[in-house]
Amino acid sequence: MSERREKRKRWIQRGQYAVEVEVEVIYPGEDPSEPCLEPTTVKWLDEIARRAADGDVEFLRRVGRVFHAVSP
């Protein structure tokens, strides 16, 4: 059986920001029950997390939907 790819939403939350981004997941032919991420995608998600922690809202808006935490 061959691998299957599809788009999925992922959330990254650091500091006061949460970002919803779309990533490509892979369902390997050997075990199609568990989606996997490619190493480049994992590095990209790490970069988004770092930028969210730094408060780089301009970058975050370019890559996904940004949400800002508010104090009650």
Protein backbone atom coordinates (compact mmCIF):
# COMPACT_ATOMS: atom_id res chain seq x y z
CA MET A 1 0.00 0.00 0.00
CA SER A 2 1.33 3.47 -0.83
CA GLU A 3 1.48 6.47 1.43
CA ARG A 4 -1.35 8.98 1.53
CA ARG A 5 -0.98 12.73 2.06
CA GLU A 6 -3.54 15.25 3.21
CA LYS A 7 -3.78 18.74 4.70
CA ARG A 8 -4.54 19.14 8.39
CA LYS A 9 -4.85 22.06 10.78
CA ARG A 10 -2.34 22.28 13.62
CA TRP A 11 -2.26 24.66 16.58
CA ILE A 12 0.86 26.20 18.03
CA GLN A 13 0.56 28.14 21.29
CA ARG A 14 3.41 30.03 22.94
CA GLY A 15 3.22 32.98 25.29
CA GLN A 16 0.19 35.13 24.53
CA TYR A 17 -0.33 33.82 20.99
CA ALA A 18 -1.93 30.79 19.39
CA VAL A 19 -1.61 30.18 15.66
CA GLU A 20 -3.65 27.86 13.48
CA VAL A 21 -1.63 26.65 10.47
CA GLU A 22 -2.25 24.12 7.73
CA VAL A 23 0.33 21.36 7.31
CA GLU A 24 0.65 18.29 5.14
CA VAL A 25 0.53 15.00 7.03
CA ILE A 26 1.60 11.65 5.64
CA TYR A 27 -0.06 8.32 6.32
CA PRO A 28 2.69 5.75 5.65
CA GLY A 29 1.79 2.64 3.69
CA GLU A 30 3.21 0.43 6.46
CA ASP A 31 0.98 1.94 9.18
CA PRO A 32 -1.78 4.16 7.76
CA SER A 33 -3.46 4.53 11.18
CA GLU A 34 -1.06 7.22 12.42
CA PRO A 35 -0.31 10.48 10.54
CA CYS A 36 3.33 11.60 10.39
CA LEU A 37 5.09 14.88 9.67
CA GLU A 38 8.14 15.34 7.49
CA PRO A 39 11.27 16.74 9.21
CA THR A 40 11.00 20.04 7.29
CA THR A 41 7.43 20.47 8.54
CA VAL A 42 8.52 19.85 12.13
CA LYS A 43 11.27 22.48 11.77
CA TRP A 44 8.75 24.94 10.30
CA LEU A 45 6.39 24.35 13.26
CA ASP A 46 9.31 24.91 15.65
CA GLU A 47 10.06 28.22 13.90
CA ILE A 48 6.43 29.29 14.26
CA ALA A 49 6.52 28.39 17.97
CA ARG A 50 9.70 30.42 18.46
CA ARG A 51 8.21 33.43 16.64
CA ALA A 52 5.00 33.15 18.70
CA ALA A 53 7.03 33.14 21.92
CA ASP A 54 8.90 36.23 20.65
CA GLY A 55 5.62 37.99 19.80
CA ASP A 56 6.39 38.32 16.05
CA VAL A 57 2.77 38.96 15.06
CA GLU A 58 3.62 40.10 11.53
CA PHE A 59 5.26 36.73 10.76
CA LEU A 60 2.46 34.80 12.47
CA ARG A 61 -0.21 36.54 10.39
CA ARG A 62 1.61 35.52 7.20
CA VAL A 63 1.60 31.82 8.11
CA GLY A 64 -1.81 31.32 9.71
CA ARG A 65 -4.69 32.57 11.82
CA VAL A 66 -3.46 34.34 14.94
CA PHE A 67 -5.23 34.49 18.28
CA HIS A 68 -4.13 36.65 21.21
CA ALA A 69 -4.82 35.72 24.83
CA VAL A 70 -6.61 38.33 26.90
CA SER A 71 -6.63 38.64 30.67
CA PRO A 72 -10.02 38.27 32.38
